[in-house]
Protein backbone atom coordinates (compact mmCIF):
# COMPACT_ATOMS: atom_id res chain seq x y z
CA MET A 1 -101.40 -153.71 -217.23
CA GLU A 2 -100.70 -150.46 -214.55
CA LEU A 3 -97.70 -148.65 -213.61
CA ILE A 4 -97.29 -149.55 -209.68
CA LYS A 5 -94.76 -147.84 -207.74
CA CYS A 6 -93.15 -149.71 -204.91
CA HIS A 7 -93.21 -148.13 -201.71
CA GLU A 8 -90.03 -149.61 -200.11
CA CYS A 9 -87.53 -149.24 -202.93
CA ALA A 10 -89.23 -147.05 -205.81
CA LEU A 11 -88.97 -149.29 -208.49
CA LYS A 12 -91.68 -148.95 -211.02
CA VAL A 13 -93.30 -151.94 -211.76
CA ASN A 14 -95.88 -153.03 -214.99
CA VAL A 15 -98.28 -155.28 -212.78
CA PRO A 16 -100.94 -157.04 -215.47
CA LEU A 17 -104.64 -157.28 -213.86
CA LEU A 18 -104.79 -159.67 -210.84
CA ALA A 19 -107.11 -162.62 -210.31
CA GLU A 20 -108.58 -163.13 -207.37
CA SER A 21 -106.59 -164.43 -204.41
CA GLN A 22 -103.72 -163.22 -206.29
CA LYS A 23 -100.39 -161.11 -205.26
CA ALA A 24 -98.14 -158.75 -206.96
CA HIS A 25 -94.61 -158.91 -205.41
CA CYS A 26 -91.61 -156.28 -206.08
CA PRO A 27 -88.84 -158.20 -208.26
CA ARG A 28 -86.36 -156.20 -206.52
CA CYS A 29 -87.29 -155.84 -202.94
CA GLY A 30 -90.24 -158.49 -202.60
CA TYR A 31 -92.36 -155.93 -201.47
CA VAL A 32 -96.39 -156.59 -201.81
CA LEU A 33 -97.29 -153.97 -204.23
CA THR A 34 -101.19 -155.02 -204.32
CA ALA A 35 -103.12 -157.86 -203.59
CA LEU A 36 -106.68 -159.01 -204.69
CA HIS A 37 -108.85 -160.38 -201.95
CA LYS A 38 -112.45 -161.92 -202.98
CA ASN A 39 -115.44 -159.77 -202.47
CA ALA A 40 -112.77 -157.31 -200.17
CA VAL A 41 -115.40 -154.52 -200.10
CA GLU A 42 -118.25 -156.75 -198.68
CA ARG A 43 -115.51 -158.47 -196.29
CA ILE A 44 -114.27 -155.53 -194.77
CA LEU A 45 -117.82 -153.64 -194.45
CA VAL A 46 -119.27 -156.57 -192.28
CA PHE A 47 -115.88 -157.28 -190.43
CA SER A 48 -116.10 -153.57 -189.33
CA ILE A 49 -119.31 -153.12 -188.42
CA THR A 50 -119.51 -156.65 -186.55
CA ALA A 51 -116.04 -155.06 -184.73
CA LEU A 52 -117.98 -152.26 -183.65
CA ILE A 53 -120.77 -153.86 -182.26
CA PHE A 54 -118.59 -156.37 -180.33
CA LEU A 55 -116.36 -153.11 -179.05
CA PHE A 56 -119.62 -151.38 -177.80
CA VAL A 57 -120.84 -154.63 -176.10
CA SER A 58 -117.59 -155.40 -174.60
CA LEU A 59 -117.76 -151.59 -172.49
CA PRO A 60 -120.30 -152.09 -169.94
CA PHE A 61 -119.87 -155.51 -168.87
CA GLU A 62 -117.45 -156.93 -166.49
CA PHE A 63 -113.90 -157.31 -167.99
CA LEU A 64 -112.22 -159.23 -165.34
CA SER A 65 -112.72 -160.31 -161.61
CA PHE A 66 -111.00 -162.02 -158.82
CA GLN A 67 -111.25 -163.61 -155.80
CA GLY A 68 -109.01 -165.07 -153.21
CA ASN A 69 -108.25 -165.33 -149.57
CA GLY A 70 -111.35 -163.33 -148.90
CA LEU A 71 -110.78 -160.45 -151.06
CA GLU A 72 -112.41 -159.70 -154.39
CA ASN A 73 -112.64 -156.83 -157.05
CA SER A 74 -113.58 -156.46 -160.64
CA PHE A 75 -113.54 -154.15 -163.57
CA ASN A 76 -114.36 -153.01 -167.08
CA ILE A 77 -112.91 -151.42 -169.95
CA ILE A 78 -114.26 -147.71 -168.94
CA GLU A 79 -113.70 -148.42 -164.99
CA SER A 80 -109.99 -149.35 -165.79
CA ILE A 81 -109.47 -146.05 -167.50
CA ASN A 82 -111.31 -144.02 -164.57
CA ILE A 83 -108.93 -145.85 -162.13
CA LEU A 84 -105.80 -144.66 -163.94
CA VAL A 85 -106.51 -141.18 -163.82
CA ARG A 86 -107.77 -141.48 -160.28
CA ASN A 87 -104.37 -142.64 -159.28
CA HIS A 88 -102.96 -139.51 -161.37
CA TYR A 89 -101.53 -141.82 -164.25
CA GLU A 90 -103.35 -139.44 -166.88
CA VAL A 91 -100.58 -140.04 -169.88
CA LEU A 92 -101.20 -144.16 -169.21
CA ALA A 93 -105.41 -143.54 -169.46
CA VAL A 94 -104.76 -141.59 -172.84
CA LEU A 95 -102.68 -144.17 -173.94
CA GLU A 96 -105.13 -146.63 -173.24
CA LEU A 97 -108.19 -144.87 -174.24
CA LEU A 98 -106.13 -143.82 -177.56
CA THR A 99 -104.94 -147.19 -178.72
CA ILE A 100 -107.81 -149.66 -177.64
CA PHE A 101 -110.95 -147.26 -178.41
CA ILE A 102 -110.73 -143.98 -179.97
CA ILE A 103 -107.98 -144.96 -182.85
CA PRO A 104 -110.07 -148.51 -183.69
CA VAL A 105 -113.05 -146.84 -183.57
CA PHE A 106 -112.18 -144.17 -186.07
CA ILE A 107 -110.67 -146.58 -188.42
CA LEU A 108 -113.95 -148.80 -188.15
CA LEU A 109 -116.03 -145.63 -188.77
CA SER A 110 -114.13 -144.45 -191.50
CA LEU A 111 -114.07 -147.73 -193.42
CA ILE A 112 -117.67 -147.91 -193.14
CA TYR A 113 -117.83 -144.24 -194.38
CA LEU A 114 -115.57 -145.42 -197.52
CA LEU A 115 -117.17 -148.77 -198.38
CA VAL A 116 -120.87 -147.98 -198.10
CA PRO A 117 -120.55 -145.68 -200.81
CA LEU A 118 -118.31 -147.48 -203.07
CA LEU A 119 -120.97 -150.74 -202.57
CA SER A 120 -123.46 -148.33 -205.05
CA GLY A 121 -120.39 -146.92 -207.10
CA LYS A 122 -120.64 -143.23 -205.63
CA TYR A 123 -117.22 -141.30 -204.17
CA PRO A 124 -117.48 -140.62 -200.93
CA ALA A 125 -116.24 -136.99 -199.90
CA TYR A 126 -112.41 -136.70 -199.20
CA GLY A 127 -112.48 -140.47 -199.99
CA LYS A 128 -108.43 -140.22 -200.70
CA GLN A 129 -107.41 -138.26 -197.95
CA LEU A 130 -109.33 -140.11 -195.43
CA LEU A 131 -107.80 -143.89 -196.79
CA ASN A 132 -104.73 -142.38 -196.56
CA PHE A 133 -104.98 -140.93 -192.88
CA VAL A 134 -106.56 -144.27 -191.91
CA PHE A 135 -103.30 -146.45 -193.03
CA LYS A 136 -101.23 -143.98 -190.92
CA LEU A 137 -103.28 -144.31 -187.86
CA MET A 138 -103.11 -148.57 -188.12
CA PRO A 139 -100.24 -149.23 -186.54
CA TRP A 140 -101.51 -147.28 -183.46
CA SER A 141 -104.32 -149.29 -183.23
CA MET A 142 -103.35 -151.72 -180.31
CA VAL A 143 -106.62 -154.27 -179.76
CA GLU A 144 -104.89 -157.36 -180.16
CA ILE A 145 -101.69 -156.36 -177.99
CA PHE A 146 -103.90 -155.31 -175.24
CA LEU A 147 -105.59 -158.81 -175.43
CA ILE A 148 -102.34 -160.41 -174.78
CA GLY A 149 -101.33 -158.07 -172.04
CA ALA A 150 -104.57 -159.41 -170.23
CA LEU A 151 -103.99 -162.84 -170.92
CA VAL A 152 -100.29 -162.75 -169.53
CA SER A 153 -101.79 -160.42 -166.38
CA LEU A 154 -103.98 -163.58 -165.70
CA ILE A 155 -100.98 -166.02 -165.63
CA LYS A 156 -99.29 -163.94 -163.45
CA ILE A 157 -102.08 -163.74 -160.93
CA ILE A 158 -103.94 -166.89 -161.64
CA SER A 159 -101.72 -168.88 -158.71
CA MET A 160 -102.84 -165.90 -156.41
CA ALA A 161 -106.79 -166.40 -156.76
CA ASP A 162 -109.66 -167.41 -158.61
CA ILE A 163 -109.93 -165.43 -162.11
CA HIS A 164 -113.02 -164.84 -163.75
CA LEU A 165 -113.85 -163.78 -166.87
CA GLY A 166 -116.60 -161.64 -167.81
CA ALA A 167 -119.05 -161.26 -170.63
CA SER A 168 -116.66 -158.11 -171.87
CA PHE A 169 -113.86 -160.30 -171.73
CA TYR A 170 -115.49 -162.85 -174.65
CA ALA A 171 -116.76 -159.64 -176.46
CA PHE A 172 -113.11 -158.00 -176.68
CA ILE A 173 -111.87 -161.15 -178.09
CA PHE A 174 -114.35 -161.40 -181.25
CA PHE A 175 -113.66 -157.48 -181.27
CA SER A 176 -109.98 -158.14 -181.34
CA LEU A 177 -110.77 -160.90 -184.40
CA SER A 178 -113.20 -159.06 -186.29
CA MET A 179 -110.99 -155.91 -186.60
CA THR A 180 -107.95 -158.05 -187.50
CA ALA A 181 -110.23 -159.64 -190.33
CA ALA A 182 -110.94 -156.30 -191.62
CA VAL A 183 -107.61 -155.04 -191.78
CA LEU A 184 -106.36 -158.35 -193.14
CA HIS A 185 -108.75 -157.96 -196.41
CA ILE A 186 -107.40 -154.10 -196.92
CA ASP A 187 -105.12 -153.43 -199.80
CA LYS A 188 -104.49 -149.63 -200.33
CA HIS A 189 -103.97 -150.08 -203.94
CA GLN A 190 -107.24 -151.42 -204.60
CA LEU A 191 -109.22 -149.48 -202.65
CA PHE A 192 -107.86 -146.46 -204.31
CA ASN A 193 -108.34 -147.71 -207.94
CA GLN A 194 -112.08 -148.38 -206.39
CA LEU A 195 -112.16 -144.74 -205.36
CA THR A 196 -110.84 -143.33 -208.45
CA LYS A 197 -113.42 -145.15 -210.73
CA ALA A 198 -116.04 -144.24 -208.54
CA GLU A 199 -114.93 -140.45 -208.57
CA ASN A 200 -114.64 -140.39 -212.55
CA LYS A 201 -118.13 -142.35 -212.40
CA THR A 202 -120.01 -139.85 -210.36
CA GLU A 203 -118.38 -136.73 -212.35
CA GLN A 204 -117.00 -135.47 -209.38
CA ARG A 205 -113.95 -132.49 -209.37
CA PRO A 206 -110.90 -134.85 -209.05
CA ASN A 207 -108.91 -134.51 -205.94
CA ILE A 208 -105.67 -132.95 -207.46
CA SER A 209 -102.67 -133.50 -204.88
CA VAL A 210 -99.01 -133.02 -205.59
CA ARG A 211 -96.71 -135.77 -204.02
CA LYS A 212 -93.81 -134.14 -202.79
CA SER A 213 -90.46 -136.44 -203.22
CA PRO A 214 -89.26 -137.40 -199.64
CA LYS A 215 -86.90 -135.30 -197.99
CA LEU A 216 -83.85 -137.67 -197.74
CA GLN A 217 -81.24 -136.06 -195.46
CA SER A 218 -84.04 -135.09 -193.27
CA SER A 219 -85.24 -138.53 -192.83
CA ILE A 220 -81.93 -139.66 -191.85
CA GLN A 221 -81.90 -136.37 -189.40
CA THR A 222 -84.90 -137.09 -188.09
CA THR A 223 -84.44 -140.93 -187.25
CA TRP A 224 -81.43 -140.41 -185.58
CA ALA A 225 -82.89 -138.06 -182.91
CA LEU A 226 -85.85 -140.40 -182.52
CA ILE A 227 -83.38 -143.40 -181.80
CA VAL A 228 -81.17 -141.51 -179.77
CA THR A 229 -83.96 -140.31 -177.78
CA SER A 230 -85.33 -143.82 -176.96
CA ILE A 231 -82.13 -144.63 -175.96
CA ILE A 232 -82.16 -142.14 -173.03
CA LEU A 233 -85.08 -143.36 -172.23
CA TYR A 234 -84.23 -146.85 -172.30
CA ILE A 235 -82.30 -146.54 -169.29
CA PRO A 236 -84.70 -145.57 -166.75
CA ALA A 237 -87.34 -148.03 -168.39
CA ASN A 238 -84.89 -150.77 -167.15
CA THR A 239 -83.65 -149.43 -164.24
CA LEU A 240 -86.47 -147.65 -162.47
CA PRO A 241 -89.64 -149.89 -161.34
CA ILE A 242 -92.29 -150.77 -163.78
CA MET A 243 -95.05 -151.89 -161.08
CA THR A 244 -94.83 -151.77 -157.53
CA THR A 245 -96.93 -154.18 -155.22
CA ARG A 246 -98.53 -152.87 -152.03
CA VAL A 247 -99.26 -155.51 -149.42
CA PHE A 248 -100.17 -154.69 -146.06
CA GLY A 249 -98.80 -151.21 -146.38
CA GLN A 250 -95.20 -152.45 -147.47
CA ASP A 251 -94.39 -151.64 -151.06
CA ASP A 252 -92.35 -154.34 -152.95
CA PRO A 253 -91.27 -152.78 -156.81
CA SER A 254 -90.15 -154.76 -159.40
CA THR A 255 -88.26 -153.69 -162.50
CA ILE A 256 -88.96 -155.51 -166.02
CA LEU A 257 -85.74 -157.69 -165.63
CA GLY A 258 -86.79 -158.42 -162.21
CA GLY A 259 -90.28 -159.58 -163.52
CA VAL A 260 -89.10 -161.73 -165.79
CA ILE A 261 -86.45 -163.72 -163.31
CA LEU A 262 -89.30 -163.74 -160.85
CA LEU A 263 -91.66 -165.61 -163.22
CA TRP A 264 -88.98 -167.92 -164.35
CA GLN A 265 -88.06 -168.80 -160.94
CA MET A 266 -91.87 -169.64 -160.27
CA GLY A 267 -91.82 -171.94 -163.10
CA SER A 268 -93.82 -169.76 -165.64
CA TYR A 269 -91.68 -170.07 -168.61
CA PRO A 270 -93.59 -169.55 -171.34
CA ILE A 271 -94.67 -165.89 -170.03
CA ALA A 272 -91.44 -165.23 -168.86
CA ALA A 273 -90.06 -165.54 -172.16
CA VAL A 274 -92.69 -163.58 -174.02
CA ILE A 275 -92.11 -160.75 -171.61
CA PHE A 276 -88.02 -161.19 -172.15
CA VAL A 277 -88.75 -161.02 -175.85
CA ALA A 278 -91.55 -158.16 -176.04
CA SER A 279 -90.03 -155.84 -173.23
CA ILE A 280 -86.05 -156.51 -173.30
CA ALA A 281 -84.96 -158.30 -176.50
CA VAL A 282 -87.56 -156.13 -178.90
CA PRO A 283 -86.87 -152.79 -178.11
CA VAL A 284 -82.99 -152.99 -177.77
CA GLY A 285 -83.02 -155.25 -181.03
CA LYS A 286 -85.21 -152.80 -182.94
CA ILE A 287 -82.67 -149.96 -181.47
CA LEU A 288 -80.03 -151.54 -182.74
CA VAL A 289 -81.27 -152.49 -186.58
CA LEU A 290 -82.77 -149.14 -187.01
CA ALA A 291 -79.40 -147.70 -186.06
CA TRP A 292 -77.27 -149.81 -188.14
CA LEU A 293 -79.99 -149.19 -191.20
CA ASN A 294 -79.92 -145.35 -190.93
CA TYR A 295 -76.01 -145.50 -190.64
CA SER A 296 -75.65 -147.61 -193.70
CA VAL A 297 -77.80 -145.14 -195.86
CA GLN A 298 -76.18 -142.52 -194.35
CA LYS A 299 -72.75 -143.82 -196.01
CA GLN A 300 -74.48 -144.85 -198.92
CA GLN A 301 -73.63 -148.66 -198.12
CA VAL A 302 -74.41 -150.70 -201.37
CA ASP A 303 -74.15 -154.22 -200.02
CA LEU A 304 -76.68 -156.25 -198.15
CA THR A 305 -79.73 -154.36 -199.81
CA LEU A 306 -82.04 -157.58 -199.52
CA GLY A 307 -80.88 -158.09 -195.92
CA ARG A 308 -81.11 -154.75 -194.48
CA ILE A 309 -84.96 -154.63 -196.15
CA LYS A 310 -85.94 -157.77 -194.65
CA LEU A 311 -84.33 -156.38 -191.07
CA TYR A 312 -86.57 -152.95 -191.60
CA ARG A 313 -89.67 -155.07 -191.86
CA ILE A 314 -89.28 -157.10 -188.93
CA ALA A 315 -88.61 -153.73 -187.06
CA GLU A 316 -91.59 -152.20 -187.98
CA PHE A 317 -93.81 -155.14 -187.33
CA VAL A 318 -92.38 -156.12 -184.01
CA GLY A 319 -91.97 -152.58 -182.41
CA ARG A 320 -95.63 -152.11 -181.28
CA TRP A 321 -95.80 -155.58 -179.60
CA SER A 322 -93.28 -154.20 -176.93
CA MET A 323 -96.20 -152.36 -175.76
CA VAL A 324 -97.59 -155.88 -174.10
CA ASP A 325 -95.82 -154.93 -170.73
CA VAL A 326 -97.71 -151.87 -170.31
CA PHE A 327 -100.80 -153.42 -170.91
CA VAL A 328 -99.94 -155.57 -168.50
CA VAL A 329 -99.63 -153.04 -165.95
CA ILE A 330 -102.80 -151.28 -166.83
CA VAL A 331 -104.95 -154.50 -166.15
CA LEU A 332 -103.12 -155.59 -163.19
CA MET A 333 -103.75 -152.55 -161.66
CA SER A 334 -107.16 -152.12 -162.60
CA LEU A 335 -108.06 -155.81 -161.41
CA ILE A 336 -106.07 -155.38 -157.75
CA GLN A 337 -107.18 -151.87 -156.35
CA LEU A 338 -107.80 -153.05 -152.50
CA GLY A 339 -105.94 -149.99 -150.61
CA ASP A 340 -102.92 -150.92 -148.19
CA THR A 341 -104.59 -154.72 -148.27
CA MET A 342 -103.30 -155.26 -151.60
CA SER A 343 -102.63 -153.06 -154.60
CA ILE A 344 -100.79 -152.72 -157.93
CA TYR A 345 -99.45 -149.59 -159.30
CA PRO A 346 -97.48 -148.36 -161.93
CA GLY A 347 -93.99 -147.43 -161.81
CA ALA A 348 -91.78 -144.55 -163.35
CA ALA A 349 -90.30 -147.13 -165.65
CA THR A 350 -93.84 -147.66 -167.58
CA LEU A 351 -93.92 -143.97 -168.73
CA ALA A 352 -90.29 -144.35 -169.65
CA PHE A 353 -91.04 -147.86 -171.38
CA SER A 354 -94.02 -146.48 -173.32
CA GLY A 355 -92.03 -143.55 -174.78
CA VAL A 356 -89.21 -145.93 -175.88
CA VAL A 357 -92.14 -147.89 -177.72
CA VAL A 358 -93.92 -144.92 -179.31
CA LEU A 359 -90.32 -143.42 -180.04
CA THR A 360 -88.92 -146.34 -181.92
CA MET A 361 -92.38 -146.77 -183.75
CA LEU A 362 -91.86 -143.45 -185.15
CA ALA A 363 -88.14 -144.11 -185.64
CA ALA A 364 -89.26 -147.06 -188.07
CA MET A 365 -91.77 -144.63 -189.67
CA SER A 366 -89.74 -141.75 -190.14
CA PHE A 367 -87.04 -144.31 -191.64
CA ASN A 368 -87.41 -144.19 -195.74
CA PRO A 369 -86.61 -147.62 -196.74
CA GLN A 370 -86.03 -146.47 -200.43
CA LEU A 371 -82.77 -145.23 -199.38
CA ILE A 372 -81.34 -148.48 -199.25
CA TRP A 373 -81.65 -148.78 -202.95
CA LYS A 374 -80.87 -145.39 -203.38
CA THR A 375 -77.49 -146.34 -204.65
CA VAL A 376 -78.71 -149.28 -206.43
CA LYS A 377 -78.78 -149.07 -210.45
């Protein structure tokens, strides 16, 4: 038996030794305390190395290309970032570079650095601190979201031209699948236990760290500040153009809602529904949920504890998927750059909407779910 403190409700639970493929859930809030995957270390290591290989294979080759009406163009991932910089969209370039390259690479290299010594029973220097940092970075890795954005972009323009998928596109798919598989096999508690055993075995001086108790009132105030700021940014995100299409020198700006309506009128109902849910329903719903949760804990409400914790988990999970629309604009801009003949440019709403997504993610992270259970005896 070992004592595990629940991350979401702070309940201390005695958990027996798990068999392979077993999970331990918190009896109060249902949170997964720990899970034991078969050959987890070996699988995470293999998937991490595989993901890195496919990522670097995806960089130099063609990602997407199109041909139609005598016009043609193509791009790769590196060129996509360069196009954003050349057109003075440095913030979007940094966003793309961080979320689909720098952060995923750091996570994968960190996992390899941690797990290779563990296989031989050795403790990697600063292992526990690095593992904590990796878990903080994981929500900001958006490889699979970028891939969905690319697929949505294809469907948007497939009626206008012939689209060709390059070798880089297929490599990126395998990169996304491999990284997802690696992340799904990670259990923080189990890895910490293995790091602790390796640390004791190698007789290193233990890393003593004092975990400070969460500042509850500070959490409430920070969450309110982030929610209010995201609401302010949500107004220009929906009223200003998110994308401008230039055809023969004539600009045709479109808002998020305008794009959804146009896709619906064109008969692209699934894509219209995806964009509506990801770009309109999810941000609004997340802001409302976080505001209600923060208000309820501020007023120390004691009812609907399970309902509130489930809403919190949903809000925390779906928030990052709103970035799909931003990646759609980035892919379309990278692919369609033909001067005044035909070009697509991000609108001012793209930056505002990116801010909404980032701020709501930070709001969900700053909200302390243990506050929901603070008054529960």
